[in-house]
Amino acid sequence: MKDHGFQLDDEADIASDDQGDLDVRDSYIVYKFYLAGQMPSEEELQKDIVIACRAQQQLVTKKQ
């Protein structure tokens, strides 16, 4: 997933100081950051979703 710009850490910038938001950040396993005003095309977003879903499916299948 790193090859596709995803991060595999707990450093997600959620642009909030709210404790509830920060608690959610701690549960992230993988994320991809998009700058405001510089969102990729719909096609690129769909590709990213497919990549993330495939990775999740591999984890689910591996656990079975």
PDB file of N, CA and C in Angstrom:
ATOM      1  N   MET A   1       0.815  -1.189   0.000  1.00  0.00           N
ATOM      2  CA  MET A   1       0.000   0.000   0.000  1.00  0.00           C
ATOM      3  C   MET A   1       0.862   1.258   0.000  1.00  0.00           C
ATOM      4  N   LYS A   2       2.051   1.158   0.562  1.00  0.00           N
ATOM      5  CA  LYS A   2       2.943   2.325   0.567  1.00  0.00           C
ATOM      6  C   LYS A   2       3.265   2.769  -0.848  1.00  0.00           C
ATOM      7  N   ASP A   3       3.322   1.816  -1.768  1.00  0.00           N
ATOM      8  CA  ASP A   3       3.612   2.145  -3.168  1.00  0.00           C
ATOM      9  C   ASP A   3       2.525   3.023  -3.792  1.00  0.00           C
ATOM     10  N   HIS A   4       1.361   3.064  -3.159  1.00  0.00           N
ATOM     11  CA  HIS A   4       0.227   3.840  -3.673  1.00  0.00           C
ATOM     12  C   HIS A   4      -0.046   5.086  -2.838  1.00  0.00           C
ATOM     13  N   GLY A   5       0.899   5.473  -1.987  1.00  0.00           N
ATOM     14  CA  GLY A   5       0.774   6.701  -1.218  1.00  0.00           C
ATOM     15  C   GLY A   5       0.084   6.569   0.126  1.00  0.00           C
ATOM     16  N   PHE A   6      -0.237   5.345   0.535  1.00  0.00           N
ATOM     17  CA  PHE A   6      -0.868   5.139   1.828  1.00  0.00           C
ATOM     18  C   PHE A   6       0.193   5.122   2.917  1.00  0.00           C
ATOM     19  N   GLN A   7      -0.194   5.575   4.111  1.00  0.00           N
ATOM     20  CA  GLN A   7       0.699   5.586   5.259  1.00  0.00           C
ATOM     21  C   GLN A   7       0.292   4.465   6.207  1.00  0.00           C
ATOM     22  N   LEU A   8       1.278   3.799   6.779  1.00  0.00           N
ATOM     23  CA  LEU A   8       1.021   2.693   7.708  1.00  0.00           C
ATOM     24  C   LEU A   8       1.577   3.062   9.075  1.00  0.00           C
ATOM     25  N   ASP A   9       0.988   4.083   9.679  1.00  0.00           N
ATOM     26  CA  ASP A   9       1.439   4.531  10.991  1.00  0.00           C
ATOM     27  C   ASP A   9       0.267   5.145  11.749  1.00  0.00           C
ATOM     28  N   ASP A  10       0.534   5.718  12.893  1.00  0.00           N
ATOM     29  CA  ASP A  10      -0.542   6.343  13.669  1.00  0.00           C
ATOM     30  C   ASP A  10      -0.357   7.855  13.740  1.00  0.00           C
ATOM     31  N   GLU A  11       0.099   8.444  12.645  1.00  0.00           N
ATOM     32  CA  GLU A  11       0.380   9.876  12.585  1.00  0.00           C
ATOM     33  C   GLU A  11      -0.606  10.639  11.711  1.00  0.00           C
ATOM     34  N   ALA A  12      -1.808  10.129  11.523  1.00  0.00           N
ATOM     35  CA  ALA A  12      -2.794  10.786  10.660  1.00  0.00           C
ATOM     36  C   ALA A  12      -3.088  12.200  11.152  1.00  0.00           C
ATOM     37  N   ASP A  13      -3.048  13.161  10.248  1.00  0.00           N
ATOM     38  CA  ASP A  13      -3.367  14.554  10.575  1.00  0.00           C
ATOM     39  C   ASP A  13      -4.852  14.761  10.316  1.00  0.00           C
ATOM     40  N   ILE A  14      -5.643  14.764  11.375  1.00  0.00           N
ATOM     41  CA  ILE A  14      -7.087  14.916  11.211  1.00  0.00           C
ATOM     42  C   ILE A  14      -7.538  16.355  11.403  1.00  0.00           C
ATOM     43  N   ALA A  15      -6.580  17.256  11.546  1.00  0.00           N
ATOM     44  CA  ALA A  15      -6.849  18.703  11.633  1.00  0.00           C
ATOM     45  C   ALA A  15      -7.860  19.037  12.721  1.00  0.00           C
ATOM     46  N   SER A  16      -7.661  18.457  13.893  1.00  0.00           N
ATOM     47  CA  SER A  16      -8.569  18.718  15.003  1.00  0.00           C
ATOM     48  C   SER A  16      -7.819  18.575  16.320  1.00  0.00           C
ATOM     49  N   ASP A  17      -8.245  19.358  17.301  1.00  0.00           N
ATOM     50  CA  ASP A  17      -7.705  19.227  18.654  1.00  0.00           C
ATOM     51  C   ASP A  17      -8.714  18.573  19.585  1.00  0.00           C
ATOM     52  N   ASP A  18      -9.876  18.217  19.065  1.00  0.00           N
ATOM     53  CA  ASP A  18     -10.922  17.586  19.857  1.00  0.00           C
ATOM     54  C   ASP A  18     -10.465  16.188  20.296  1.00  0.00           C
ATOM     55  N   GLN A  19     -10.595  15.895  21.584  1.00  0.00           N
ATOM     56  CA  GLN A  19     -10.109  14.625  22.114  1.00  0.00           C
ATOM     57  C   GLN A  19     -10.791  13.423  21.464  1.00  0.00           C
ATOM     58  N   GLY A  20     -12.082  13.540  21.182  1.00  0.00           N
ATOM     59  CA  GLY A  20     -12.790  12.446  20.523  1.00  0.00           C
ATOM     60  C   GLY A  20     -12.209  12.149  19.149  1.00  0.00           C
ATOM     61  N   ASP A  21     -11.899  13.191  18.401  1.00  0.00           N
ATOM     62  CA  ASP A  21     -11.281  13.021  17.088  1.00  0.00           C
ATOM     63  C   ASP A  21      -9.906  12.393  17.221  1.00  0.00           C
ATOM     64  N   LEU A  22      -9.152  12.835  18.210  1.00  0.00           N
ATOM     65  CA  LEU A  22      -7.811  12.287  18.428  1.00  0.00           C
ATOM     66  C   LEU A  22      -7.876  10.820  18.811  1.00  0.00           C
ATOM     67  N   ASP A  23      -8.890  10.429  19.580  1.00  0.00           N
ATOM     68  CA  ASP A  23      -9.056   9.025  19.946  1.00  0.00           C
ATOM     69  C   ASP A  23      -9.316   8.163  18.713  1.00  0.00           C
ATOM     70  N   VAL A  24     -10.110   8.688  17.772  1.00  0.00           N
ATOM     71  CA  VAL A  24     -10.382   7.953  16.536  1.00  0.00           C
ATOM     72  C   VAL A  24      -9.092   7.767  15.747  1.00  0.00           C
ATOM     73  N   ARG A  25      -8.273   8.798  15.698  1.00  0.00           N
ATOM     74  CA  ARG A  25      -7.004   8.714  14.971  1.00  0.00           C
ATOM     75  C   ARG A  25      -6.162   7.535  15.461  1.00  0.00           C
ATOM     76  N   ASP A  26      -6.193   7.286  16.759  1.00  0.00           N
ATOM     77  CA  ASP A  26      -5.395   6.203  17.325  1.00  0.00           C
ATOM     78  C   ASP A  26      -5.836   4.825  16.848  1.00  0.00           C
ATOM     79  N   SER A  27      -7.023   4.724  16.268  1.00  0.00           N
ATOM     80  CA  SER A  27      -7.499   3.425  15.783  1.00  0.00           C
ATOM     81  C   SER A  27      -7.174   3.192  14.310  1.00  0.00           C
ATOM     82  N   TYR A  28      -6.618   4.200  13.632  1.00  0.00           N
ATOM     83  CA  TYR A  28      -6.279   4.046  12.216  1.00  0.00           C
ATOM     84  C   TYR A  28      -5.177   3.007  12.040  1.00  0.00           C
ATOM     85  N   ILE A  29      -5.301   2.227  11.013  1.00  0.00           N
ATOM     86  CA  ILE A  29      -4.264   1.266  10.653  1.00  0.00           C
ATOM     87  C   ILE A  29      -3.521   1.768   9.425  1.00  0.00           C
ATOM     88  N   VAL A  30      -4.277   2.321   8.494  1.00  0.00           N
ATOM     89  CA  VAL A  30      -3.705   2.837   7.252  1.00  0.00           C
ATOM     90  C   VAL A  30      -4.544   4.034   6.802  1.00  0.00           C
ATOM     91  N   TYR A  31      -3.903   4.979   6.167  1.00  0.00           N
ATOM     92  CA  TYR A  31      -4.618   6.150   5.696  1.00  0.00           C
ATOM     93  C   TYR A  31      -3.866   6.780   4.530  1.00  0.00           C
ATOM     94  N   LYS A  32      -4.556   7.638   3.823  1.00  0.00           N
ATOM     95  CA  LYS A  32      -3.943   8.411   2.753  1.00  0.00           C
ATOM     96  C   LYS A  32      -4.392   9.849   2.902  1.00  0.00           C
ATOM     97  N   PHE A  33      -3.462  10.769   2.926  1.00  0.00           N
ATOM     98  CA  PHE A  33      -3.740  12.179   3.162  1.00  0.00           C
ATOM     99  C   PHE A  33      -3.914  12.908   1.838  1.00  0.00           C
ATOM    100  N   TYR A  34      -4.995  13.666   1.735  1.00  0.00           N
ATOM    101  CA  TYR A  34      -5.243  14.511   0.572  1.00  0.00           C
ATOM    102  C   TYR A  34      -5.313  15.951   1.075  1.00  0.00           C
ATOM    103  N   LEU A  35      -4.558  16.833   0.495  1.00  0.00           N
ATOM    104  CA  LEU A  35      -4.599  18.244   0.868  1.00  0.00           C
ATOM    105  C   LEU A  35      -5.932  18.864   0.457  1.00  0.00           C
ATOM    106  N   ALA A  36      -6.472  19.723   1.326  1.00  0.00           N
ATOM    107  CA  ALA A  36      -7.704  20.437   0.987  1.00  0.00           C
ATOM    108  C   ALA A  36      -7.450  21.272  -0.263  1.00  0.00           C
ATOM    109  N   GLY A  37      -8.377  21.226  -1.166  1.00  0.00           N
ATOM    110  CA  GLY A  37      -8.241  21.982  -2.400  1.00  0.00           C
ATOM    111  C   GLY A  37      -7.395  21.288  -3.456  1.00  0.00           C
ATOM    112  N   GLN A  38      -6.839  20.142  -3.109  1.00  0.00           N
ATOM    113  CA  GLN A  38      -6.017  19.389  -4.059  1.00  0.00           C
ATOM    114  C   GLN A  38      -6.448  17.931  -4.111  1.00  0.00           C
ATOM    115  N   MET A  39      -7.747  17.732  -4.021  1.00  0.00           N
ATOM    116  CA  MET A  39      -8.276  16.366  -4.066  1.00  0.00           C
ATOM    117  C   MET A  39      -8.031  15.771  -5.444  1.00  0.00           C
ATOM    118  N   PRO A  40      -7.734  14.476  -5.480  1.00  0.00           N
ATOM    119  CA  PRO A  40      -7.548  13.826  -6.777  1.00  0.00           C
ATOM    120  C   PRO A  40      -8.885  13.666  -7.504  1.00  0.00           C
ATOM    121  N   SER A  41      -8.794  13.237  -8.724  1.00  0.00           N
ATOM    122  CA  SER A  41     -10.003  13.036  -9.525  1.00  0.00           C
ATOM    123  C   SER A  41     -10.844  11.906  -8.928  1.00  0.00           C
ATOM    124  N   GLU A  42     -12.095  11.854  -9.350  1.00  0.00           N
ATOM    125  CA  GLU A  42     -12.998  10.773  -8.921  1.00  0.00           C
ATOM    126  C   GLU A  42     -12.391   9.415  -9.264  1.00  0.00           C
ATOM    127  N   GLU A  43     -11.777   9.328 -10.427  1.00  0.00           N
ATOM    128  CA  GLU A  43     -11.150   8.069 -10.864  1.00  0.00           C
ATOM    129  C   GLU A  43     -10.029   7.661  -9.914  1.00  0.00           C
ATOM    130  N   GLU A  44      -9.192   8.599  -9.521  1.00  0.00           N
ATOM    131  CA  GLU A  44      -8.097   8.298  -8.592  1.00  0.00           C
ATOM    132  C   GLU A  44      -8.631   7.896  -7.220  1.00  0.00           C
ATOM    133  N   LEU A  45      -9.667   8.580  -6.746  1.00  0.00           N
ATOM    134  CA  LEU A  45     -10.271   8.212  -5.464  1.00  0.00           C
ATOM    135  C   LEU A  45     -10.836   6.794  -5.509  1.00  0.00           C
ATOM    136  N   GLN A  46     -11.484   6.456  -6.603  1.00  0.00           N
ATOM    137  CA  GLN A  46     -12.027   5.107  -6.747  1.00  0.00           C
ATOM    138  C   GLN A  46     -10.911   4.066  -6.754  1.00  0.00           C
ATOM    139  N   LYS A  47      -9.805   4.365  -7.411  1.00  0.00           N
ATOM    140  CA  LYS A  47      -8.667   3.438  -7.409  1.00  0.00           C
ATOM    141  C   LYS A  47      -8.139   3.243  -5.998  1.00  0.00           C
ATOM    142  N   ASP A  48      -8.052   4.327  -5.230  1.00  0.00           N
ATOM    143  CA  ASP A  48      -7.574   4.232  -3.850  1.00  0.00           C
ATOM    144  C   ASP A  48      -8.514   3.386  -2.999  1.00  0.00           C
ATOM    145  N   ILE A  49      -9.808   3.546  -3.206  1.00  0.00           N
ATOM    146  CA  ILE A  49     -10.776   2.747  -2.453  1.00  0.00           C
ATOM    147  C   ILE A  49     -10.621   1.268  -2.791  1.00  0.00           C
ATOM    148  N   VAL A  50     -10.433   0.959  -4.057  1.00  0.00           N
ATOM    149  CA  VAL A  50     -10.240  -0.442  -4.470  1.00  0.00           C
ATOM    150  C   VAL A  50      -8.974  -1.009  -3.822  1.00  0.00           C
ATOM    151  N   ILE A  51      -7.902  -0.251  -3.810  1.00  0.00           N
ATOM    152  CA  ILE A  51      -6.653  -0.700  -3.194  1.00  0.00           C
ATOM    153  C   ILE A  51      -6.877  -0.987  -1.709  1.00  0.00           C
ATOM    154  N   ALA A  52      -7.549  -0.071  -1.018  1.00  0.00           N
ATOM    155  CA  ALA A  52      -7.809  -0.245   0.411  1.00  0.00           C
ATOM    156  C   ALA A  52      -8.712  -1.455   0.673  1.00  0.00           C
ATOM    157  N   CYS A  53      -9.733  -1.632  -0.134  1.00  0.00           N
ATOM    158  CA  CYS A  53     -10.645  -2.769   0.041  1.00  0.00           C
ATOM    159  C   CYS A  53      -9.940  -4.094  -0.222  1.00  0.00           C
ATOM    160  N   ARG A  54      -9.102  -4.138  -1.216  1.00  0.00           N
ATOM    161  CA  ARG A  54      -8.355  -5.374  -1.503  1.00  0.00           C
ATOM    162  C   ARG A  54      -7.417  -5.729  -0.357  1.00  0.00           C
ATOM    163  N   ALA A  55      -6.768  -4.730   0.197  1.00  0.00           N
ATOM    164  CA  ALA A  55      -5.872  -4.962   1.329  1.00  0.00           C
ATOM    165  C   ALA A  55      -6.662  -5.481   2.524  1.00  0.00           C
ATOM    166  N   GLN A  56      -7.822  -4.891   2.781  1.00  0.00           N
ATOM    167  CA  GLN A  56      -8.653  -5.351   3.891  1.00  0.00           C
ATOM    168  C   GLN A  56      -9.119  -6.784   3.652  1.00  0.00           C
ATOM    169  N   GLN A  57      -9.520  -7.104   2.436  1.00  0.00           N
ATOM    170  CA  GLN A  57      -9.973  -8.455   2.108  1.00  0.00           C
ATOM    171  C   GLN A  57      -8.851  -9.462   2.305  1.00  0.00           C
ATOM    172  N   GLN A  58      -7.635  -9.087   1.957  1.00  0.00           N
ATOM    173  CA  GLN A  58      -6.493  -9.985   2.171  1.00  0.00           C
ATOM    174  C   GLN A  58      -6.289 -10.257   3.654  1.00  0.00           C
ATOM    175  N   LEU A  59      -6.478  -9.239   4.493  1.00  0.00           N
ATOM    176  CA  LEU A  59      -6.341  -9.441   5.931  1.00  0.00           C
ATOM    177  C   LEU A  59      -7.435 -10.340   6.469  1.00  0.00           C
ATOM    178  N   VAL A  60      -8.670 -10.146   6.004  1.00  0.00           N
ATOM    179  CA  VAL A  60      -9.797 -10.970   6.455  1.00  0.00           C
ATOM    180  C   VAL A  60      -9.581 -12.407   6.025  1.00  0.00           C
ATOM    181  N   THR A  61      -9.187 -12.618   4.785  1.00  0.00           N
ATOM    182  CA  THR A  61      -8.962 -13.962   4.266  1.00  0.00           C
ATOM    183  C   THR A  61      -7.818 -14.643   5.005  1.00  0.00           C
ATOM    184  N   LYS A  62      -6.787 -13.902   5.322  1.00  0.00           N
ATOM    185  CA  LYS A  62      -5.628 -14.440   6.021  1.00  0.00           C
ATOM    186  C   LYS A  62      -5.987 -14.940   7.419  1.00  0.00           C
ATOM    187  N   LYS A  63      -6.945 -14.259   8.084  1.00  0.00           N
ATOM    188  CA  LYS A  63      -7.342 -14.623   9.441  1.00  0.00           C
ATOM    189  C   LYS A  63      -8.222 -15.858   9.481  1.00  0.00           C
ATOM    190  N   GLN A  64      -8.814 -16.228   8.356  1.00  0.00           N
ATOM    191  CA  GLN A  64      -9.749 -17.372   8.341  1.00  0.00           C
ATOM    192  C   GLN A  64      -9.020 -18.682   8.315  1.00  0.00           C
TER     193      GLN A  64
END
